[in-house]
Protein backbone atom coordinates (compact mmCIF):
# COMPACT_ATOMS: atom_id res chain seq x y z
CA HIS A 1 107.51 46.47 -46.81
CA LEU A 2 105.38 43.72 -45.26
CA SER A 3 102.17 45.69 -45.81
CA ILE A 4 103.10 46.36 -49.46
CA ARG A 5 103.72 42.64 -49.99
CA ARG A 6 100.41 41.84 -48.32
CA GLN A 7 98.60 44.34 -50.55
CA ARG A 8 100.14 42.76 -53.66
CA GLN A 9 99.08 39.28 -52.52
CA MET A 10 95.54 40.52 -51.93
CA CYS A 11 95.42 42.14 -55.39
CA ILE A 12 96.59 38.92 -57.04
CA ARG A 13 94.08 36.86 -55.05
CA ASP A 14 91.24 39.26 -55.94
CA ARG A 15 92.21 39.16 -59.62
CA PHE A 16 91.94 35.38 -59.77
CA ASP A 17 89.00 34.83 -57.39
CA ASP A 18 86.75 33.93 -60.31
CA LEU A 19 89.25 31.62 -62.05
CA ARG A 20 87.34 28.47 -63.03
CA ASP A 21 86.98 25.73 -65.64
CA GLU A 22 84.73 26.75 -68.52
CA PRO A 23 82.01 24.53 -70.03
CA PHE A 24 82.49 24.03 -73.77
CA GLU A 25 80.37 21.74 -75.91
CA PRO A 26 81.49 21.39 -79.53
CA GLU A 27 79.19 19.50 -81.89
CA VAL A 28 79.47 15.73 -81.48
CA LEU A 29 79.16 14.35 -85.00
CA ARG A 30 79.09 10.73 -83.92
CA SER A 31 79.34 8.84 -80.61
CA ASP A 32 79.76 5.06 -80.65
CA LEU A 33 80.02 2.52 -77.87
CA ALA A 34 83.48 1.11 -78.54
CA TYR A 35 83.48 -1.26 -75.58
CA GLU A 36 80.86 -2.26 -73.03
CA GLY A 37 82.47 -3.23 -69.75
CA ALA A 38 81.28 -4.76 -66.49
CA VAL A 39 81.82 -1.49 -64.59
CA TRP A 40 82.18 1.25 -67.22
CA ASN A 41 82.18 1.68 -70.99
CA VAL A 42 84.51 3.16 -73.61
CA ARG A 43 83.05 5.66 -76.07
CA ASP A 44 84.47 6.62 -79.47
CA ASP A 45 83.45 10.19 -80.42
CA ARG A 46 83.98 12.29 -83.53
CA VAL A 47 83.76 15.99 -82.70
CA ARG A 48 83.74 19.14 -84.82
CA TYR A 49 86.55 21.25 -83.40
CA GLY A 50 87.56 24.59 -84.91
CA ASP A 51 87.73 24.15 -88.67
CA GLY A 52 88.28 20.42 -88.46
CA GLU A 53 87.23 17.20 -86.83
CA ILE A 54 88.85 15.26 -83.99
CA ARG A 55 88.35 11.71 -82.76
CA ARG A 56 88.53 10.91 -79.06
CA GLN A 57 88.07 7.65 -77.15
CA TYR A 58 87.41 7.82 -73.43
CA VAL A 59 86.00 5.91 -70.49
CA ALA A 60 82.39 6.91 -69.73
CA HIS A 61 82.50 6.82 -65.95
CA THR A 62 79.75 6.74 -63.33
CA GLY A 63 81.55 9.20 -61.05
CA ALA A 64 82.79 8.48 -57.55
CA VAL A 65 83.18 9.66 -53.98
CA ALA A 66 86.07 9.62 -51.51
CA ILE A 67 86.31 10.37 -47.82
CA VAL A 68 88.95 12.18 -45.76
CA ALA A 69 88.01 10.79 -42.34
CA LEU A 70 89.73 12.59 -39.45
CA ASP A 71 89.74 11.45 -35.84
CA ASP A 72 89.94 13.67 -32.76
CA ALA A 73 93.76 13.40 -32.78
CA GLY A 74 94.00 14.89 -36.30
CA ARG A 75 94.82 11.57 -37.94
CA VAL A 76 93.47 10.61 -41.36
CA LEU A 77 92.18 7.15 -42.20
CA LEU A 78 94.10 5.50 -45.05
CA ILE A 79 93.49 2.13 -46.64
CA GLN A 80 95.92 0.09 -48.68
CA GLN A 81 94.77 -2.34 -51.34
CA TYR A 82 95.98 -4.00 -54.52
CA ARG A 83 95.33 -2.10 -57.76
CA HIS A 84 95.97 -4.28 -60.79
CA PRO A 85 96.60 -1.62 -63.48
CA ILE A 86 99.55 -0.19 -61.50
CA ARG A 87 100.69 -3.49 -59.90
CA HIS A 88 100.88 -1.84 -56.49
CA ARG A 89 99.18 -1.94 -53.15
CA ASP A 90 98.73 1.79 -52.96
CA TRP A 91 97.55 3.93 -50.07
CA GLU A 92 94.17 5.47 -50.71
CA LEU A 93 91.23 7.21 -49.12
CA PRO A 94 88.06 5.16 -48.63
CA ALA A 95 86.23 5.63 -51.91
CA GLY A 96 83.72 4.11 -54.28
CA LEU A 97 81.60 4.49 -57.38
CA LEU A 98 78.38 6.41 -57.77
CA ASP A 99 76.75 3.25 -59.07
CA VAL A 100 73.46 3.20 -57.13
CA ALA A 101 70.65 4.80 -59.12
CA GLY A 102 69.41 8.03 -57.55
CA GLU A 103 71.96 8.01 -54.72
CA GLU A 104 73.36 11.43 -53.83
CA PRO A 105 77.16 11.75 -53.46
CA LEU A 106 76.94 12.35 -49.69
CA GLU A 107 74.89 9.20 -49.17
CA ALA A 108 77.34 7.26 -51.33
CA ALA A 109 80.20 8.57 -49.18
CA ARG A 110 78.44 7.43 -45.99
CA ARG A 111 77.89 4.00 -47.57
CA GLU A 112 81.49 3.66 -48.74
CA LEU A 113 82.97 4.63 -45.36
CA ALA A 114 80.85 1.92 -43.75
CA GLU A 115 81.60 -0.69 -46.42
CA GLU A 116 85.36 -0.10 -46.67
CA ALA A 117 86.26 0.81 -43.11
CA ASP A 118 83.29 -0.24 -40.92
CA LEU A 119 82.96 3.36 -39.73
CA VAL A 120 80.28 6.02 -39.42
CA ALA A 121 80.81 9.77 -38.98
CA ALA A 122 78.74 12.37 -37.15
CA HIS A 123 79.84 15.35 -39.25
CA TRP A 124 80.17 15.60 -43.03
CA GLU A 125 81.09 18.45 -45.36
CA PRO A 126 82.13 18.74 -49.00
CA LEU A 127 85.90 19.18 -49.27
CA VAL A 128 86.83 19.26 -52.97
CA SER A 129 85.72 17.82 -56.32
CA SER A 130 88.03 16.83 -59.16
CA TRP A 131 88.08 15.30 -62.62
CA THR A 132 90.55 12.46 -62.13
CA THR A 133 91.87 12.05 -65.68
CA PRO A 134 90.09 14.46 -68.04
CA GLY A 135 92.15 13.37 -71.04
CA GLY A 136 90.99 9.77 -70.71
CA ASN A 137 87.71 9.64 -68.81
CA ASP A 138 84.86 11.83 -67.58
CA GLU A 139 85.06 10.71 -63.94
CA LEU A 140 84.19 13.42 -61.44
CA ILE A 141 85.02 12.51 -57.86
CA HIS A 142 83.50 14.28 -54.86
CA VAL A 143 85.73 14.24 -51.77
CA PHE A 144 84.07 14.72 -48.39
CA LEU A 145 85.56 15.57 -44.99
CA ALA A 146 84.17 13.33 -42.24
CA SER A 147 84.71 13.81 -38.51
CA GLY A 148 83.21 12.50 -35.30
CA VAL A 149 84.13 9.01 -36.50
CA SER A 150 83.06 5.85 -34.67
CA ALA A 151 82.71 2.14 -35.34
CA ALA A 152 79.69 1.01 -37.36
CA GLN A 153 77.30 -1.47 -35.76
CA ASP A 154 77.76 -4.04 -38.52
CA ALA A 155 81.01 -5.19 -40.12
CA HIS A 156 80.98 -5.72 -43.89
CA ALA A 157 82.17 -8.84 -45.66
CA ARG A 158 84.89 -8.11 -48.24
CA GLU A 159 86.15 -10.05 -51.24
CA ASP A 160 88.69 -9.83 -54.08
CA GLU A 161 91.09 -6.87 -53.62
CA GLU A 162 89.12 -5.67 -50.61
CA ALA A 163 89.60 -8.94 -48.72
CA ASP A 164 93.10 -7.95 -47.52
CA ILE A 165 92.65 -4.20 -47.14
CA ARG A 166 95.08 -2.71 -44.63
CA VAL A 167 93.74 0.18 -42.55
CA GLU A 168 95.91 2.80 -40.81
CA TRP A 169 95.24 6.03 -38.94
CA VAL A 170 98.06 8.38 -40.00
CA PRO A 171 98.84 11.92 -38.77
CA LEU A 172 97.58 14.30 -41.45
CA ASP A 173 100.95 16.05 -41.76
CA ALA A 174 102.69 12.68 -42.24
CA ALA A 175 100.27 11.84 -45.07
CA VAL A 176 100.90 15.23 -46.68
CA GLY A 177 104.66 14.66 -46.37
CA ALA A 178 104.40 11.23 -48.01
CA VAL A 179 102.43 12.72 -50.92
CA LEU A 180 104.88 15.59 -51.44
CA ASP A 181 107.87 13.23 -51.17
CA GLY A 182 106.38 10.96 -53.84
CA ARG A 183 106.07 8.00 -51.47
CA MET A 184 102.28 7.88 -51.90
CA ARG A 185 101.13 8.65 -55.45
CA ASN A 186 97.39 8.06 -55.49
CA GLY A 187 95.95 11.24 -57.01
CA ILE A 188 92.71 11.28 -55.05
CA LEU A 189 94.61 10.71 -51.81
CA GLY A 190 96.90 13.62 -52.68
CA ILE A 191 94.05 15.99 -53.48
CA GLY A 192 92.15 14.98 -50.36
CA VAL A 193 94.90 15.27 -47.76
CA LEU A 194 96.30 18.49 -49.25
CA ALA A 195 92.83 20.05 -49.27
CA ALA A 196 92.22 18.93 -45.69
CA ALA A 197 95.58 20.33 -44.57
CA GLN A 198 94.85 23.63 -46.32
CA ARG A 199 91.47 23.86 -44.64
């Protein structure tokens, strides 16, 4: 019976191996800048869709990176900082915007780990990429797995919400448990630690 179950699982896995998001580009009839912000903008688009027309407003985002940094004991680095829209100090992965012209995501991840946690890593690999809120913005975040972590030579000055960042090394399974229990609800954190645990 076990071998039959295994065969069924393999058939299902094979059937969906090529399951993926599909690009689709309907005609944009009009695209206006509804709001120009300090960090990102809001666009107001009219799109031909099917036999009709739809209007959608969304944040035009630069994209971002996040880092699942693991130490030799299997602990993940988490940071806690104040996020005004949710009125919480939530637990997060070190992360930041792709806001330097020409900078590749991996280089941005190296920079953000140094800036937010004063750390460098010897080993880097892509872990997972995700659209964070596809109904409201076009942000694509690239999450990297970093290991061989050590202290950076220079500490970075921090201000605003970053001035009182709390840093903790947490066992990976404890972070996964907190996500699944609903005690930590940051989406990028959830994707990152679950992907790391699966790997």
